[in-house]
Every structure is written in C-alpha cells, then in structure tokens.
Amino acid sequence: MILCSDDSLYTGITTDLQRRFAQHKNKKGARYFYGREPLKIVFTECANDRSSASKREYEIKHYSRIKKLALID
C-alpha cells in the first residue's frame, strides 16, 4: 500500500516493489497517480503466486479506510 499526497491509500500488486514505486513517482504507473503524488510505501505483503496476490489485492481494496490503517499498524 502506498500513502499518497492527498492522504489516500493506493493498493496494487507487483513483482518488483522498488521498480513499481519508481514508475508511480515518474507518472508511468497507474492513472491513480495523475493528480496525486505517491509519498511512501506503508504496507507490503508477499504472495505465493499472481492469482493469490490478485485475490488479496481485491480484498484489501474493499476494506474501509479504518481497516486499511489497522492493517498498516
């Protein structure tokens, strides 16, 4: 999860965390970052394969902000 300049939390999946974060910083990643800046990575989790990572991403994206913040803590 990435904390953004507008205090929102972005959730996504990748095989290379630092590369993907750099892409977001350089506006070559998700459209979500058009108009907001990625500040820092606040939560990571490892998955065994892309399928399980996608399922977990979907689950986290549907969490409330309060639940996401609890996950970060």
N, C-alpha and C. Protein backbone atom coordinates (compact mmCIF):
# COMPACT_ATOMS: atom_id res chain seq x y z
N MET A 1 0.85 -1.16 0.00
CA MET A 1 0.00 0.00 0.00
C MET A 1 0.90 1.23 0.00
N ILE A 2 0.49 2.22 -0.73
CA ILE A 2 1.24 3.46 -0.84
C ILE A 2 0.40 4.60 -0.29
N LEU A 3 1.03 5.40 0.57
CA LEU A 3 0.40 6.62 1.06
C LEU A 3 0.61 7.71 0.03
N CYS A 4 -0.47 8.41 -0.31
CA CYS A 4 -0.41 9.44 -1.35
C CYS A 4 -0.50 10.84 -0.75
N SER A 5 -0.13 11.82 -1.57
CA SER A 5 -0.10 13.22 -1.14
C SER A 5 -1.46 13.75 -0.69
N ASP A 6 -2.54 13.14 -1.16
CA ASP A 6 -3.88 13.57 -0.74
C ASP A 6 -4.37 12.74 0.45
N ASP A 7 -3.46 12.00 1.09
CA ASP A 7 -3.71 11.16 2.26
C ASP A 7 -4.52 9.91 1.92
N SER A 8 -4.66 9.60 0.64
CA SER A 8 -5.34 8.37 0.25
C SER A 8 -4.34 7.22 0.28
N LEU A 9 -4.85 6.00 0.21
CA LEU A 9 -4.02 4.80 0.22
C LEU A 9 -4.25 4.03 -1.08
N TYR A 10 -3.18 3.77 -1.80
CA TYR A 10 -3.25 3.03 -3.06
C TYR A 10 -2.81 1.60 -2.81
N THR A 11 -3.55 0.65 -3.34
CA THR A 11 -3.21 -0.77 -3.23
C THR A 11 -3.01 -1.35 -4.61
N GLY A 12 -1.92 -2.09 -4.78
CA GLY A 12 -1.63 -2.72 -6.06
C GLY A 12 -0.73 -3.93 -5.85
N ILE A 13 -0.42 -4.63 -6.95
CA ILE A 13 0.48 -5.78 -6.87
C ILE A 13 1.62 -5.59 -7.86
N THR A 14 2.75 -6.21 -7.54
CA THR A 14 3.93 -6.13 -8.40
C THR A 14 4.89 -7.25 -8.03
N THR A 15 5.81 -7.53 -8.95
CA THR A 15 6.87 -8.49 -8.65
C THR A 15 8.15 -7.76 -8.25
N ASP A 16 8.18 -6.44 -8.43
CA ASP A 16 9.36 -5.64 -8.08
C ASP A 16 8.90 -4.33 -7.46
N LEU A 17 8.87 -4.30 -6.15
CA LEU A 17 8.29 -3.19 -5.41
C LEU A 17 8.98 -1.85 -5.70
N GLN A 18 10.29 -1.81 -5.66
CA GLN A 18 11.02 -0.56 -5.86
C GLN A 18 10.86 -0.03 -7.29
N ARG A 19 10.89 -0.94 -8.27
CA ARG A 19 10.69 -0.53 -9.67
C ARG A 19 9.30 0.07 -9.85
N ARG A 20 8.29 -0.59 -9.30
CA ARG A 20 6.91 -0.13 -9.46
C ARG A 20 6.68 1.21 -8.77
N PHE A 21 7.27 1.37 -7.58
CA PHE A 21 7.14 2.64 -6.87
C PHE A 21 7.77 3.77 -7.69
N ALA A 22 8.94 3.50 -8.27
CA ALA A 22 9.62 4.49 -9.12
C ALA A 22 8.75 4.83 -10.33
N GLN A 23 8.09 3.85 -10.91
CA GLN A 23 7.19 4.11 -12.04
C GLN A 23 6.06 5.05 -11.61
N HIS A 24 5.49 4.78 -10.45
CA HIS A 24 4.42 5.64 -9.96
C HIS A 24 4.94 7.06 -9.73
N LYS A 25 6.13 7.19 -9.15
CA LYS A 25 6.73 8.51 -8.90
C LYS A 25 6.96 9.27 -10.21
N ASN A 26 7.29 8.54 -11.28
CA ASN A 26 7.58 9.15 -12.57
C ASN A 26 6.36 9.22 -13.49
N LYS A 27 5.17 8.99 -12.92
CA LYS A 27 3.90 9.07 -13.68
C LYS A 27 3.84 8.07 -14.82
N LYS A 28 4.52 6.94 -14.67
CA LYS A 28 4.48 5.89 -15.69
C LYS A 28 3.74 4.66 -15.17
N GLY A 29 3.11 4.79 -14.03
CA GLY A 29 2.38 3.68 -13.42
C GLY A 29 0.89 3.87 -13.59
N ALA A 30 0.16 3.60 -12.54
CA ALA A 30 -1.30 3.67 -12.55
C ALA A 30 -1.81 5.09 -12.75
N ARG A 31 -2.94 5.22 -13.41
CA ARG A 31 -3.57 6.53 -13.61
C ARG A 31 -3.99 7.16 -12.29
N TYR A 32 -4.11 6.33 -11.26
CA TYR A 32 -4.47 6.81 -9.94
C TYR A 32 -3.55 7.95 -9.50
N PHE A 33 -2.31 7.93 -9.95
CA PHE A 33 -1.33 8.92 -9.52
C PHE A 33 -1.30 10.17 -10.40
N TYR A 34 -2.21 10.29 -11.34
CA TYR A 34 -2.34 11.54 -12.08
C TYR A 34 -3.07 12.50 -11.15
N GLY A 35 -2.40 13.53 -10.71
CA GLY A 35 -3.05 14.50 -9.82
C GLY A 35 -2.75 14.26 -8.35
N ARG A 36 -2.04 13.20 -8.03
CA ARG A 36 -1.61 12.95 -6.65
C ARG A 36 -0.24 12.31 -6.69
N GLU A 37 0.53 12.52 -5.66
CA GLU A 37 1.90 12.02 -5.61
C GLU A 37 2.01 10.84 -4.66
N PRO A 38 2.69 9.77 -5.06
CA PRO A 38 2.96 8.69 -4.12
C PRO A 38 4.07 9.13 -3.15
N LEU A 39 3.80 9.06 -1.84
CA LEU A 39 4.77 9.53 -0.86
C LEU A 39 5.68 8.42 -0.34
N LYS A 40 5.06 7.34 0.13
CA LYS A 40 5.88 6.24 0.65
C LYS A 40 5.08 4.95 0.71
N ILE A 41 5.81 3.86 0.69
CA ILE A 41 5.22 2.53 0.83
C ILE A 41 4.97 2.32 2.32
N VAL A 42 3.72 2.01 2.67
CA VAL A 42 3.36 1.88 4.09
C VAL A 42 3.01 0.46 4.50
N PHE A 43 2.80 -0.43 3.51
CA PHE A 43 2.45 -1.81 3.85
C PHE A 43 2.78 -2.71 2.67
N THR A 44 3.39 -3.84 2.96
CA THR A 44 3.65 -4.85 1.93
C THR A 44 3.30 -6.22 2.47
N GLU A 45 3.00 -7.10 1.55
CA GLU A 45 2.70 -8.49 1.85
C GLU A 45 3.22 -9.33 0.70
N CYS A 46 3.71 -10.51 0.99
CA CYS A 46 4.16 -11.42 -0.06
C CYS A 46 3.08 -12.45 -0.36
N ALA A 47 3.02 -12.89 -1.60
CA ALA A 47 2.07 -13.93 -2.01
C ALA A 47 2.83 -15.01 -2.76
N ASN A 48 2.26 -16.20 -2.80
CA ASN A 48 2.90 -17.34 -3.47
C ASN A 48 2.85 -17.25 -4.99
N ASP A 49 1.79 -16.62 -5.51
CA ASP A 49 1.62 -16.52 -6.96
C ASP A 49 0.74 -15.32 -7.29
N ARG A 50 0.68 -15.00 -8.58
CA ARG A 50 -0.08 -13.82 -9.01
C ARG A 50 -1.57 -13.94 -8.70
N SER A 51 -2.10 -15.13 -8.82
CA SER A 51 -3.52 -15.33 -8.55
C SER A 51 -3.87 -15.00 -7.09
N SER A 52 -3.09 -15.51 -6.17
CA SER A 52 -3.37 -15.22 -4.75
C SER A 52 -3.09 -13.74 -4.44
N ALA A 53 -2.11 -13.15 -5.09
CA ALA A 53 -1.83 -11.73 -4.91
C ALA A 53 -3.01 -10.88 -5.39
N SER A 54 -3.57 -11.24 -6.53
CA SER A 54 -4.71 -10.50 -7.08
C SER A 54 -5.93 -10.62 -6.17
N LYS A 55 -6.16 -11.80 -5.63
CA LYS A 55 -7.29 -12.01 -4.72
C LYS A 55 -7.13 -11.17 -3.46
N ARG A 56 -5.91 -11.15 -2.93
CA ARG A 56 -5.64 -10.37 -1.72
C ARG A 56 -5.76 -8.88 -2.01
N GLU A 57 -5.28 -8.43 -3.16
CA GLU A 57 -5.41 -7.03 -3.56
C GLU A 57 -6.89 -6.63 -3.61
N TYR A 58 -7.69 -7.46 -4.24
CA TYR A 58 -9.13 -7.20 -4.34
C TYR A 58 -9.75 -7.07 -2.95
N GLU A 59 -9.35 -7.98 -2.06
CA GLU A 59 -9.87 -7.97 -0.69
C GLU A 59 -9.50 -6.66 0.02
N ILE A 60 -8.24 -6.29 -0.04
CA ILE A 60 -7.77 -5.08 0.64
C ILE A 60 -8.41 -3.83 0.04
N LYS A 61 -8.57 -3.79 -1.27
CA LYS A 61 -9.18 -2.62 -1.92
C LYS A 61 -10.61 -2.39 -1.42
N HIS A 62 -11.26 -3.42 -0.94
CA HIS A 62 -12.63 -3.28 -0.45
C HIS A 62 -12.70 -3.04 1.05
N TYR A 63 -11.56 -2.95 1.71
CA TYR A 63 -11.53 -2.60 3.13
C TYR A 63 -11.89 -1.13 3.30
N SER A 64 -12.45 -0.81 4.44
CA SER A 64 -12.67 0.60 4.79
C SER A 64 -11.30 1.22 5.09
N ARG A 65 -11.26 2.53 5.10
CA ARG A 65 -10.00 3.22 5.42
C ARG A 65 -9.53 2.83 6.82
N ILE A 66 -10.46 2.73 7.76
CA ILE A 66 -10.10 2.36 9.13
C ILE A 66 -9.46 0.98 9.17
N LYS A 67 -9.99 0.05 8.42
CA LYS A 67 -9.44 -1.31 8.39
C LYS A 67 -8.07 -1.31 7.70
N LYS A 68 -7.90 -0.50 6.66
CA LYS A 68 -6.59 -0.40 6.00
C LYS A 68 -5.54 0.17 6.96
N LEU A 69 -5.91 1.20 7.71
CA LEU A 69 -4.99 1.79 8.67
C LEU A 69 -4.63 0.80 9.77
N ALA A 70 -5.57 -0.02 10.19
CA ALA A 70 -5.29 -1.05 11.19
C ALA A 70 -4.34 -2.09 10.62
N LEU A 71 -4.49 -2.41 9.37
CA LEU A 71 -3.59 -3.37 8.70
C LEU A 71 -2.17 -2.81 8.65
N ILE A 72 -2.04 -1.53 8.40
CA ILE A 72 -0.73 -0.88 8.35
C ILE A 72 -0.06 -0.93 9.73
N ASP A 73 -0.85 -0.69 10.77
CA ASP A 73 -0.29 -0.73 12.13
C ASP A 73 0.04 -2.13 12.50
